[in-house]
Amino acid sequence: MQFLIGDMTCGHCAGAISKAIVAIDTGADVRIDLATKVANIVTAADAQQVAAAITDAGYTPVLQRA
């Protein structure tokens, strides 16, 4: 799945988002492109769970592709 996270601005943001996703699925593969503000995530969790984890970390995810 892919999320646009417009308020992700730095490496610290990317790390916080990655940590939040791995907290709900330790096997998740999280790839973040800061230049485009896109997170590509392969996980057993559903999009709603991932979005909630990103939101809880303080960011605003917008699902691009499930």
Protein backbone atom coordinates (compact mmCIF):
# COMPACT_ATOMS: atom_id res chain seq x y z
CA MET A 1 0.00 0.00 0.00
CA GLN A 2 1.09 3.56 -0.55
CA PHE A 3 0.42 6.66 1.52
CA LEU A 4 1.07 10.30 0.75
CA ILE A 5 2.16 11.98 3.99
CA GLY A 6 2.35 15.69 3.24
CA ASP A 7 3.50 16.71 6.71
CA MET A 8 6.50 14.33 6.66
CA THR A 9 9.45 16.69 6.22
CA CYS A 10 12.65 15.06 7.49
CA GLY A 11 14.47 11.90 8.44
CA HIS A 12 13.13 12.12 11.97
CA CYS A 13 9.57 12.13 10.60
CA ALA A 14 10.35 9.13 8.39
CA GLY A 15 11.82 7.26 11.35
CA ALA A 16 8.82 7.98 13.56
CA ILE A 17 6.45 6.77 10.85
CA SER A 18 8.48 3.62 10.21
CA LYS A 19 8.61 2.88 13.94
CA ALA A 20 4.83 3.32 14.26
CA ILE A 21 4.17 0.89 11.42
CA VAL A 22 6.64 -1.72 12.66
CA ALA A 23 4.97 -1.49 16.09
CA ILE A 24 1.77 -2.92 14.58
CA ASP A 25 3.55 -5.42 12.28
CA THR A 26 7.15 -6.35 13.06
CA GLY A 27 7.49 -7.92 9.61
CA ALA A 28 6.43 -4.78 7.73
CA ASP A 29 8.61 -3.48 4.91
CA VAL A 30 8.50 0.33 4.98
CA ARG A 31 10.12 2.37 2.23
CA ILE A 32 9.90 6.13 2.51
CA ASP A 33 10.74 8.69 -0.16
CA LEU A 34 11.10 12.07 1.55
CA ALA A 35 11.34 13.93 -1.76
CA THR A 36 7.85 12.83 -2.81
CA LYS A 37 6.52 12.42 0.75
CA VAL A 38 5.39 8.90 -0.12
CA ALA A 39 5.53 5.79 2.07
CA ASN A 40 5.32 2.40 0.37
CA ILE A 41 4.42 -0.28 2.87
CA VAL A 42 4.16 -4.04 2.58
CA THR A 43 2.42 -5.37 5.67
CA ALA A 44 -0.06 -7.92 6.93
CA ALA A 45 -1.97 -5.06 8.60
CA ASP A 46 -4.83 -3.46 6.70
CA ALA A 47 -4.77 0.10 5.36
CA GLN A 48 -6.99 1.38 8.17
CA GLN A 49 -4.62 0.02 10.84
CA VAL A 50 -1.60 1.52 9.08
CA ALA A 51 -3.32 4.89 8.67
CA ALA A 52 -4.26 4.87 12.36
CA ALA A 53 -0.65 4.11 13.37
CA ILE A 54 0.66 6.97 11.20
CA THR A 55 -2.00 9.32 12.59
CA ASP A 56 -1.15 8.30 16.16
CA ALA A 57 2.50 9.16 15.39
CA GLY A 58 1.35 12.72 14.59
CA TYR A 59 1.13 12.69 10.79
CA THR A 60 -1.62 12.90 8.20
CA PRO A 61 -1.66 9.90 5.84
CA VAL A 62 -3.65 9.85 2.58
CA LEU A 63 -4.04 6.39 1.04
CA GLN A 64 -2.89 6.39 -2.60
CA ARG A 65 -3.01 2.65 -3.33
CA ALA A 66 -4.12 -0.25 -1.19
